[in-house]
Amino acid sequence: MNEEVNMEQAAYTLKAISHSTRLCVISLLAVNDELNVTEIGEKLNCEQSLLSHHLTDMRAKGILNTRREGKNCYYSLKNKQITKIIDCINECHCAQ
């Protein structure tokens, strides 16, 4: 793959996670292998309808996996390497 394609994919991923709620979801799922909407909402103190919108979009953009069990839908990170972005952001932000 050439560099331009790599940068386009990187930009797509950054756009897909460029919201504080989405960054928090990734951080949560880095520590917990999988959580359902209710568990994520409780941990983030976030309204379920707003959270569901973010989760659905992140899944559509290839950031999250889902697994159904009865009425519950469990979310997990599709690629744990994305947590390196969070680590980098934390490192840069804390260095200020």
PDB file of N, CA and C in Angstrom:
ATOM      1  N   MET A   1       0.838  -1.181   0.000  1.00  0.00           N
ATOM      2  CA  MET A   1       0.000   0.000   0.000  1.00  0.00           C
ATOM      3  C   MET A   1       0.881   1.242   0.000  1.00  0.00           C
ATOM      4  N   ASN A   2       0.466   2.219  -0.768  1.00  0.00           N
ATOM      5  CA  ASN A   2       1.289   3.424  -0.788  1.00  0.00           C
ATOM      6  C   ASN A   2       0.913   4.353   0.361  1.00  0.00           C
ATOM      7  N   GLU A   3       1.734   5.359   0.563  1.00  0.00           N
ATOM      8  CA  GLU A   3       1.570   6.259   1.713  1.00  0.00           C
ATOM      9  C   GLU A   3       0.254   7.033   1.652  1.00  0.00           C
ATOM     10  N   GLU A   4      -0.158   7.439   0.464  1.00  0.00           N
ATOM     11  CA  GLU A   4      -1.403   8.204   0.337  1.00  0.00           C
ATOM     12  C   GLU A   4      -2.606   7.374   0.788  1.00  0.00           C
ATOM     13  N   VAL A   5      -2.641   6.113   0.427  1.00  0.00           N
ATOM     14  CA  VAL A   5      -3.726   5.229   0.842  1.00  0.00           C
ATOM     15  C   VAL A   5      -3.700   5.048   2.358  1.00  0.00           C
ATOM     16  N   ASN A   6      -2.511   4.872   2.920  1.00  0.00           N
ATOM     17  CA  ASN A   6      -2.375   4.744   4.377  1.00  0.00           C
ATOM     18  C   ASN A   6      -2.899   5.980   5.094  1.00  0.00           C
ATOM     19  N   MET A   7      -2.562   7.152   4.585  1.00  0.00           N
ATOM     20  CA  MET A   7      -3.008   8.400   5.211  1.00  0.00           C
ATOM     21  C   MET A   7      -4.521   8.566   5.086  1.00  0.00           C
ATOM     22  N   GLU A   8      -5.087   8.137   3.963  1.00  0.00           N
ATOM     23  CA  GLU A   8      -6.548   8.204   3.786  1.00  0.00           C
ATOM     24  C   GLU A   8      -7.240   7.295   4.799  1.00  0.00           C
ATOM     25  N   GLN A   9      -6.705   6.107   5.006  1.00  0.00           N
ATOM     26  CA  GLN A   9      -7.279   5.184   5.990  1.00  0.00           C
ATOM     27  C   GLN A   9      -7.119   5.737   7.402  1.00  0.00           C
ATOM     28  N   ALA A  10      -5.989   6.343   7.690  1.00  0.00           N
ATOM     29  CA  ALA A  10      -5.769   6.938   9.012  1.00  0.00           C
ATOM     30  C   ALA A  10      -6.751   8.080   9.250  1.00  0.00           C
ATOM     31  N   ALA A  11      -6.959   8.923   8.252  1.00  0.00           N
ATOM     32  CA  ALA A  11      -7.900  10.036   8.374  1.00  0.00           C
ATOM     33  C   ALA A  11      -9.321   9.519   8.590  1.00  0.00           C
ATOM     34  N   TYR A  12      -9.691   8.463   7.886  1.00  0.00           N
ATOM     35  CA  TYR A  12     -11.026   7.869   8.040  1.00  0.00           C
ATOM     36  C   TYR A  12     -11.229   7.380   9.477  1.00  0.00           C
ATOM     37  N   THR A  13     -10.228   6.694  10.016  1.00  0.00           N
ATOM     38  CA  THR A  13     -10.307   6.188  11.385  1.00  0.00           C
ATOM     39  C   THR A  13     -10.396   7.333  12.386  1.00  0.00           C
ATOM     40  N   LEU A  14      -9.579   8.348  12.202  1.00  0.00           N
ATOM     41  CA  LEU A  14      -9.603   9.491  13.122  1.00  0.00           C
ATOM     42  C   LEU A  14     -10.957  10.198  13.090  1.00  0.00           C
ATOM     43  N   LYS A  15     -11.546  10.345  11.908  1.00  0.00           N
ATOM     44  CA  LYS A  15     -12.880  10.949  11.812  1.00  0.00           C
ATOM     45  C   LYS A  15     -13.907  10.079  12.523  1.00  0.00           C
ATOM     46  N   ALA A  16     -13.765   8.764  12.393  1.00  0.00           N
ATOM     47  CA  ALA A  16     -14.724   7.835  12.986  1.00  0.00           C
ATOM     48  C   ALA A  16     -14.711   7.867  14.515  1.00  0.00           C
ATOM     49  N   ILE A  17     -13.606   8.266  15.113  1.00  0.00           N
ATOM     50  CA  ILE A  17     -13.511   8.268  16.581  1.00  0.00           C
ATOM     51  C   ILE A  17     -13.420   9.673  17.162  1.00  0.00           C
ATOM     52  N   SER A  18     -13.601  10.694  16.329  1.00  0.00           N
ATOM     53  CA  SER A  18     -13.361  12.070  16.767  1.00  0.00           C
ATOM     54  C   SER A  18     -14.524  12.669  17.557  1.00  0.00           C
ATOM     55  N   HIS A  19     -14.817  12.055  18.667  1.00  0.00           N
ATOM     56  CA  HIS A  19     -15.813  12.572  19.612  1.00  0.00           C
ATOM     57  C   HIS A  19     -15.432  12.029  20.985  1.00  0.00           C
ATOM     58  N   SER A  20     -15.599  12.843  22.004  1.00  0.00           N
ATOM     59  CA  SER A  20     -15.170  12.423  23.347  1.00  0.00           C
ATOM     60  C   SER A  20     -15.872  11.140  23.800  1.00  0.00           C
ATOM     61  N   THR A  21     -17.147  10.987  23.480  1.00  0.00           N
ATOM     62  CA  THR A  21     -17.864   9.764  23.868  1.00  0.00           C
ATOM     63  C   THR A  21     -17.251   8.553  23.185  1.00  0.00           C
ATOM     64  N   ARG A  22     -16.908   8.689  21.925  1.00  0.00           N
ATOM     65  CA  ARG A  22     -16.315   7.563  21.187  1.00  0.00           C
ATOM     66  C   ARG A  22     -14.937   7.203  21.739  1.00  0.00           C
ATOM     67  N   LEU A  23     -14.164   8.213  22.087  1.00  0.00           N
ATOM     68  CA  LEU A  23     -12.856   7.949  22.691  1.00  0.00           C
ATOM     69  C   LEU A  23     -13.015   7.237  24.032  1.00  0.00           C
ATOM     70  N   CYS A  24     -14.024   7.644  24.802  1.00  0.00           N
ATOM     71  CA  CYS A  24     -14.281   6.989  26.092  1.00  0.00           C
ATOM     72  C   CYS A  24     -14.730   5.544  25.898  1.00  0.00           C
ATOM     73  N   VAL A  25     -15.546   5.287  24.891  1.00  0.00           N
ATOM     74  CA  VAL A  25     -15.991   3.918  24.595  1.00  0.00           C
ATOM     75  C   VAL A  25     -14.776   3.052  24.277  1.00  0.00           C
ATOM     76  N   ILE A  26     -13.885   3.555  23.453  1.00  0.00           N
ATOM     77  CA  ILE A  26     -12.683   2.788  23.101  1.00  0.00           C
ATOM     78  C   ILE A  26     -11.847   2.508  24.350  1.00  0.00           C
ATOM     79  N   SER A  27     -11.681   3.505  25.193  1.00  0.00           N
ATOM     80  CA  SER A  27     -10.919   3.314  26.437  1.00  0.00           C
ATOM     81  C   SER A  27     -11.559   2.260  27.327  1.00  0.00           C
ATOM     82  N   LEU A  28     -12.888   2.303  27.441  1.00  0.00           N
ATOM     83  CA  LEU A  28     -13.614   1.304  28.256  1.00  0.00           C
ATOM     84  C   LEU A  28     -13.435  -0.101  27.701  1.00  0.00           C
ATOM     85  N   LEU A  29     -13.569  -0.218  26.383  1.00  0.00           N
ATOM     86  CA  LEU A  29     -13.477  -1.544  25.772  1.00  0.00           C
ATOM     87  C   LEU A  29     -12.043  -2.063  25.710  1.00  0.00           C
ATOM     88  N   ALA A  30     -11.087  -1.185  25.894  1.00  0.00           N
ATOM     89  CA  ALA A  30      -9.693  -1.625  25.980  1.00  0.00           C
ATOM     90  C   ALA A  30      -9.455  -2.363  27.291  1.00  0.00           C
ATOM     91  N   VAL A  31     -10.200  -1.966  28.321  1.00  0.00           N
ATOM     92  CA  VAL A  31     -10.052  -2.559  29.656  1.00  0.00           C
ATOM     93  C   VAL A  31     -11.024  -3.723  29.859  1.00  0.00           C
ATOM     94  N   ASN A  32     -12.222  -3.605  29.297  1.00  0.00           N
ATOM     95  CA  ASN A  32     -13.256  -4.637  29.395  1.00  0.00           C
ATOM     96  C   ASN A  32     -13.427  -5.243  28.003  1.00  0.00           C
ATOM     97  N   ASP A  33     -13.224  -6.532  27.879  1.00  0.00           N
ATOM     98  CA  ASP A  33     -13.262  -7.137  26.554  1.00  0.00           C
ATOM     99  C   ASP A  33     -14.552  -6.856  25.797  1.00  0.00           C
ATOM    100  N   GLU A  34     -15.682  -6.907  26.485  1.00  0.00           N
ATOM    101  CA  GLU A  34     -16.939  -6.550  25.846  1.00  0.00           C
ATOM    102  C   GLU A  34     -17.940  -6.076  26.882  1.00  0.00           C
ATOM    103  N   LEU A  35     -18.783  -5.151  26.457  1.00  0.00           N
ATOM    104  CA  LEU A  35     -19.812  -4.577  27.318  1.00  0.00           C
ATOM    105  C   LEU A  35     -21.072  -4.366  26.486  1.00  0.00           C
ATOM    106  N   ASN A  36     -22.238  -4.367  27.172  1.00  0.00           N
ATOM    107  CA  ASN A  36     -23.459  -4.037  26.448  1.00  0.00           C
ATOM    108  C   ASN A  36     -23.745  -2.548  26.597  1.00  0.00           C
ATOM    109  N   VAL A  37     -24.770  -2.074  25.890  1.00  0.00           N
ATOM    110  CA  VAL A  37     -25.083  -0.645  25.876  1.00  0.00           C
ATOM    111  C   VAL A  37     -25.348  -0.124  27.292  1.00  0.00           C
ATOM    112  N   THR A  38     -26.095  -0.875  28.079  1.00  0.00           N
ATOM    113  CA  THR A  38     -26.421  -0.448  29.437  1.00  0.00           C
ATOM    114  C   THR A  38     -25.159  -0.287  30.273  1.00  0.00           C
ATOM    115  N   GLU A  39     -24.259  -1.257  30.198  1.00  0.00           N
ATOM    116  CA  GLU A  39     -23.013  -1.192  30.970  1.00  0.00           C
ATOM    117  C   GLU A  39     -22.164   0.008  30.546  1.00  0.00           C
ATOM    118  N   ILE A  40     -22.056   0.225  29.242  1.00  0.00           N
ATOM    119  CA  ILE A  40     -21.270   1.361  28.753  1.00  0.00           C
ATOM    120  C   ILE A  40     -21.915   2.669  29.209  1.00  0.00           C
ATOM    121  N   GLY A  41     -23.235   2.756  29.066  1.00  0.00           N
ATOM    122  CA  GLY A  41     -23.959   3.962  29.460  1.00  0.00           C
ATOM    123  C   GLY A  41     -23.786   4.289  30.930  1.00  0.00           C
ATOM    124  N   GLU A  42     -23.827   3.266  31.785  1.00  0.00           N
ATOM    125  CA  GLU A  42     -23.648   3.479  33.220  1.00  0.00           C
ATOM    126  C   GLU A  42     -22.236   3.967  33.535  1.00  0.00           C
ATOM    127  N   LYS A  43     -21.253   3.378  32.881  1.00  0.00           N
ATOM    128  CA  LYS A  43     -19.871   3.750  33.156  1.00  0.00           C
ATOM    129  C   LYS A  43     -19.545   5.153  32.643  1.00  0.00           C
ATOM    130  N   LEU A  44     -20.209   5.569  31.548  1.00  0.00           N
ATOM    131  CA  LEU A  44     -19.942   6.884  30.977  1.00  0.00           C
ATOM    132  C   LEU A  44     -20.952   7.939  31.402  1.00  0.00           C
ATOM    133  N   ASN A  45     -21.979   7.494  32.136  1.00  0.00           N
ATOM    134  CA  ASN A  45     -23.065   8.397  32.523  1.00  0.00           C
ATOM    135  C   ASN A  45     -23.622   9.109  31.289  1.00  0.00           C
ATOM    136  N   CYS A  46     -23.968   8.306  30.292  1.00  0.00           N
ATOM    137  CA  CYS A  46     -24.401   8.814  28.992  1.00  0.00           C
ATOM    138  C   CYS A  46     -25.802   8.289  28.680  1.00  0.00           C
ATOM    139  N   GLU A  47     -26.625   9.126  28.071  1.00  0.00           N
ATOM    140  CA  GLU A  47     -27.979   8.731  27.685  1.00  0.00           C
ATOM    141  C   GLU A  47     -27.917   7.619  26.650  1.00  0.00           C
ATOM    142  N   GLN A  48     -28.752   6.591  26.836  1.00  0.00           N
ATOM    143  CA  GLN A  48     -28.677   5.402  26.000  1.00  0.00           C
ATOM    144  C   GLN A  48     -28.943   5.689  24.518  1.00  0.00           C
ATOM    145  N   SER A  49     -29.863   6.581  24.202  1.00  0.00           N
ATOM    146  CA  SER A  49     -30.159   6.851  22.785  1.00  0.00           C
ATOM    147  C   SER A  49     -28.956   7.488  22.079  1.00  0.00           C
ATOM    148  N   LEU A  50     -28.298   8.421  22.750  1.00  0.00           N
ATOM    149  CA  LEU A  50     -27.107   9.052  22.180  1.00  0.00           C
ATOM    150  C   LEU A  50     -25.973   8.038  22.048  1.00  0.00           C
ATOM    151  N   LEU A  51     -25.790   7.243  23.075  1.00  0.00           N
ATOM    152  CA  LEU A  51     -24.744   6.221  23.065  1.00  0.00           C
ATOM    153  C   LEU A  51     -24.988   5.207  21.950  1.00  0.00           C
ATOM    154  N   SER A  52     -26.232   4.769  21.792  1.00  0.00           N
ATOM    155  CA  SER A  52     -26.563   3.807  20.732  1.00  0.00           C
ATOM    156  C   SER A  52     -26.213   4.358  19.359  1.00  0.00           C
ATOM    157  N   HIS A  53     -26.456   5.649  19.161  1.00  0.00           N
ATOM    158  CA  HIS A  53     -26.099   6.291  17.888  1.00  0.00           C
ATOM    159  C   HIS A  53     -24.589   6.178  17.647  1.00  0.00           C
ATOM    160  N   HIS A  54     -23.789   6.517  18.655  1.00  0.00           N
ATOM    161  CA  HIS A  54     -22.329   6.441  18.523  1.00  0.00           C
ATOM    162  C   HIS A  54     -21.875   5.005  18.273  1.00  0.00           C
ATOM    163  N   LEU A  55     -22.427   4.059  19.023  1.00  0.00           N
ATOM    164  CA  LEU A  55     -22.026   2.655  18.878  1.00  0.00           C
ATOM    165  C   LEU A  55     -22.372   2.115  17.494  1.00  0.00           C
ATOM    166  N   THR A  56     -23.555   2.447  17.007  1.00  0.00           N
ATOM    167  CA  THR A  56     -23.977   1.988  15.677  1.00  0.00           C
ATOM    168  C   THR A  56     -23.050   2.542  14.604  1.00  0.00           C
ATOM    169  N   ASP A  57     -22.713   3.814  14.718  1.00  0.00           N
ATOM    170  CA  ASP A  57     -21.835   4.437  13.735  1.00  0.00           C
ATOM    171  C   ASP A  57     -20.427   3.852  13.799  1.00  0.00           C
ATOM    172  N   MET A  58     -19.939   3.630  15.004  1.00  0.00           N
ATOM    173  CA  MET A  58     -18.596   3.053  15.152  1.00  0.00           C
ATOM    174  C   MET A  58     -18.546   1.632  14.603  1.00  0.00           C
ATOM    175  N   ARG A  59     -19.624   0.899  14.781  1.00  0.00           N
ATOM    176  CA  ARG A  59     -19.685  -0.452  14.228  1.00  0.00           C
ATOM    177  C   ARG A  59     -19.695  -0.403  12.700  1.00  0.00           C
ATOM    178  N   ALA A  60     -20.488   0.508  12.139  1.00  0.00           N
ATOM    179  CA  ALA A  60     -20.579   0.644  10.685  1.00  0.00           C
ATOM    180  C   ALA A  60     -19.242   1.052  10.066  1.00  0.00           C
ATOM    181  N   LYS A  61     -18.443   1.782  10.820  1.00  0.00           N
ATOM    182  CA  LYS A  61     -17.146   2.254  10.318  1.00  0.00           C
ATOM    183  C   LYS A  61     -16.002   1.299  10.638  1.00  0.00           C
ATOM    184  N   GLY A  62     -16.329   0.124  11.185  1.00  0.00           N
ATOM    185  CA  GLY A  62     -15.319  -0.907  11.389  1.00  0.00           C
ATOM    186  C   GLY A  62     -14.502  -0.780  12.654  1.00  0.00           C
ATOM    187  N   ILE A  63     -14.973   0.017  13.613  1.00  0.00           N
ATOM    188  CA  ILE A  63     -14.237   0.191  14.869  1.00  0.00           C
ATOM    189  C   ILE A  63     -14.637  -0.876  15.883  1.00  0.00           C
ATOM    190  N   LEU A  64     -15.922  -1.254  15.881  1.00  0.00           N
ATOM    191  CA  LEU A  64     -16.458  -2.183  16.879  1.00  0.00           C
ATOM    192  C   LEU A  64     -17.025  -3.447  16.256  1.00  0.00           C
ATOM    193  N   ASN A  65     -16.977  -4.516  17.027  1.00  0.00           N
ATOM    194  CA  ASN A  65     -17.684  -5.766  16.734  1.00  0.00           C
ATOM    195  C   ASN A  65     -18.914  -5.825  17.620  1.00  0.00           C
ATOM    196  N   THR A  66     -19.907  -6.593  17.204  1.00  0.00           N
ATOM    197  CA  THR A  66     -21.071  -6.822  18.061  1.00  0.00           C
ATOM    198  C   THR A  66     -21.362  -8.311  18.152  1.00  0.00           C
ATOM    199  N   ARG A  67     -21.975  -8.661  19.273  1.00  0.00           N
ATOM    200  CA  ARG A  67     -22.405 -10.043  19.500  1.00  0.00           C
ATOM    201  C   ARG A  67     -23.742  -9.971  20.221  1.00  0.00           C
ATOM    202  N   ARG A  68     -24.735 -10.656  19.672  1.00  0.00           N
ATOM    203  CA  ARG A  68     -26.063 -10.679  20.291  1.00  0.00           C
ATOM    204  C   ARG A  68     -26.190 -11.871  21.220  1.00  0.00           C
ATOM    205  N   GLU A  69     -26.806 -11.593  22.366  1.00  0.00           N
ATOM    206  CA  GLU A  69     -27.140 -12.653  23.313  1.00  0.00           C
ATOM    207  C   GLU A  69     -28.509 -12.296  23.879  1.00  0.00           C
ATOM    208  N   GLY A  70     -29.535 -12.971  23.384  1.00  0.00           N
ATOM    209  CA  GLY A  70     -30.894 -12.630  23.779  1.00  0.00           C
ATOM    210  C   GLY A  70     -31.228 -11.230  23.321  1.00  0.00           C
ATOM    211  N   LYS A  71     -31.681 -10.391  24.247  1.00  0.00           N
ATOM    212  CA  LYS A  71     -32.018  -9.005  23.915  1.00  0.00           C
ATOM    213  C   LYS A  71     -30.813  -8.074  23.985  1.00  0.00           C
ATOM    214  N   ASN A  72     -29.705  -8.565  24.497  1.00  0.00           N
ATOM    215  CA  ASN A  72     -28.515  -7.730  24.664  1.00  0.00           C
ATOM    216  C   ASN A  72     -27.585  -7.799  23.464  1.00  0.00           C
ATOM    217  N   CYS A  73     -26.998  -6.666  23.161  1.00  0.00           N
ATOM    218  CA  CYS A  73     -25.992  -6.567  22.114  1.00  0.00           C
ATOM    219  C   CYS A  73     -24.690  -6.164  22.803  1.00  0.00           C
ATOM    220  N   TYR A  74     -23.686  -6.996  22.690  1.00  0.00           N
ATOM    221  CA  TYR A  74     -22.398  -6.742  23.325  1.00  0.00           C
ATOM    222  C   TYR A  74     -21.415  -6.173  22.304  1.00  0.00           C
ATOM    223  N   TYR A  75     -20.666  -5.170  22.741  1.00  0.00           N
ATOM    224  CA  TYR A  75     -19.707  -4.499  21.880  1.00  0.00           C
ATOM    225  C   TYR A  75     -18.288  -4.810  22.329  1.00  0.00           C
ATOM    226  N   SER A  76     -17.402  -4.933  21.360  1.00  0.00           N
ATOM    227  CA  SER A  76     -15.977  -5.115  21.619  1.00  0.00           C
ATOM    228  C   SER A  76     -15.198  -4.400  20.525  1.00  0.00           C
ATOM    229  N   LEU A  77     -13.917  -4.181  20.774  1.00  0.00           N
ATOM    230  CA  LEU A  77     -13.073  -3.531  19.767  1.00  0.00           C
ATOM    231  C   LEU A  77     -12.753  -4.512  18.653  1.00  0.00           C
ATOM    232  N   LYS A  78     -12.904  -4.077  17.435  1.00  0.00           N
ATOM    233  CA  LYS A  78     -12.587  -4.923  16.283  1.00  0.00           C
ATOM    234  C   LYS A  78     -11.077  -5.133  16.182  1.00  0.00           C
ATOM    235  N   ASN A  79     -10.328  -4.067  16.467  1.00  0.00           N
ATOM    236  CA  ASN A  79      -8.874  -4.141  16.414  1.00  0.00           C
ATOM    237  C   ASN A  79      -8.320  -3.387  17.621  1.00  0.00           C
ATOM    238  N   LYS A  80      -7.738  -4.110  18.540  1.00  0.00           N
ATOM    239  CA  LYS A  80      -7.241  -3.494  19.779  1.00  0.00           C
ATOM    240  C   LYS A  80      -6.112  -2.495  19.525  1.00  0.00           C
ATOM    241  N   GLN A  81      -5.529  -2.508  18.332  1.00  0.00           N
ATOM    242  CA  GLN A  81      -4.455  -1.555  18.012  1.00  0.00           C
ATOM    243  C   GLN A  81      -4.945  -0.107  18.075  1.00  0.00           C
ATOM    244  N   ILE A  82      -6.258   0.090  17.939  1.00  0.00           N
ATOM    245  CA  ILE A  82      -6.805   1.450  17.982  1.00  0.00           C
ATOM    246  C   ILE A  82      -6.559   2.107  19.340  1.00  0.00           C
ATOM    247  N   THR A  83      -6.344   1.310  20.361  1.00  0.00           N
ATOM    248  CA  THR A  83      -6.068   1.878  21.686  1.00  0.00           C
ATOM    249  C   THR A  83      -4.748   2.647  21.705  1.00  0.00           C
ATOM    250  N   LYS A  84      -3.872   2.369  20.763  1.00  0.00           N
ATOM    251  CA  LYS A  84      -2.607   3.109  20.677  1.00  0.00           C
ATOM    252  C   LYS A  84      -2.872   4.581  20.370  1.00  0.00           C
ATOM    253  N   ILE A  85      -3.942   4.859  19.624  1.00  0.00           N
ATOM    254  CA  ILE A  85      -4.316   6.241  19.340  1.00  0.00           C
ATOM    255  C   ILE A  85      -4.679   6.946  20.644  1.00  0.00           C
ATOM    256  N   ILE A  86      -5.459   6.258  21.490  1.00  0.00           N
ATOM    257  CA  ILE A  86      -5.857   6.832  22.777  1.00  0.00           C
ATOM    258  C   ILE A  86      -4.623   7.067  23.644  1.00  0.00           C
ATOM    259  N   ASP A  87      -3.725   6.096  23.662  1.00  0.00           N
ATOM    260  CA  ASP A  87      -2.486   6.254  24.435  1.00  0.00           C
ATOM    261  C   ASP A  87      -1.699   7.475  23.967  1.00  0.00           C
ATOM    262  N   CYS A  88      -1.603   7.645  22.666  1.00  0.00           N
ATOM    263  CA  CYS A  88      -0.866   8.773  22.105  1.00  0.00           C
ATOM    264  C   CYS A  88      -1.530  10.101  22.474  1.00  0.00           C
ATOM    265  N   ILE A  89      -2.853  10.153  22.380  1.00  0.00           N
ATOM    266  CA  ILE A  89      -3.591  11.369  22.744  1.00  0.00           C
ATOM    267  C   ILE A  89      -3.354  11.693  24.215  1.00  0.00           C
ATOM    268  N   ASN A  90      -3.456  10.686  25.070  1.00  0.00           N
ATOM    269  CA  ASN A  90      -3.235  10.902  26.503  1.00  0.00           C
ATOM    270  C   ASN A  90      -1.815  11.389  26.777  1.00  0.00           C
ATOM    271  N   GLU A  91      -0.860  10.803  26.099  1.00  0.00           N
ATOM    272  CA  GLU A  91       0.536  11.188  26.286  1.00  0.00           C
ATOM    273  C   GLU A  91       0.759  12.626  25.829  1.00  0.00           C
ATOM    274  N   CYS A  92       0.230  12.996  24.685  1.00  0.00           N
ATOM    275  CA  CYS A  92       0.396  14.365  24.167  1.00  0.00           C
ATOM    276  C   CYS A  92      -0.347  15.372  25.030  1.00  0.00           C
ATOM    277  N   HIS A  93      -1.547  15.031  25.455  1.00  0.00           N
ATOM    278  CA  HIS A  93      -2.366  15.930  26.254  1.00  0.00           C
ATOM    279  C   HIS A  93      -1.755  16.140  27.642  1.00  0.00           C
ATOM    280  N   CYS A  94      -1.239  15.076  28.208  1.00  0.00           N
ATOM    281  CA  CYS A  94      -0.668  15.181  29.569  1.00  0.00           C
ATOM    282  C   CYS A  94       0.678  15.907  29.554  1.00  0.00           C
ATOM    283  N   ALA A  95       1.321  15.959  28.423  1.00  0.00           N
ATOM    284  CA  ALA A  95       2.635  16.598  28.329  1.00  0.00           C
ATOM    285  C   ALA A  95       2.537  18.121  28.333  1.00  0.00           C
ATOM    286  N   GLN A  96       1.335  18.665  28.164  1.00  0.00           N
ATOM    287  CA  GLN A  96       1.173  20.122  28.092  1.00  0.00           C
ATOM    288  C   GLN A  96       1.349  20.776  29.405  1.00  0.00           C
TER     289      GLN A  96
END
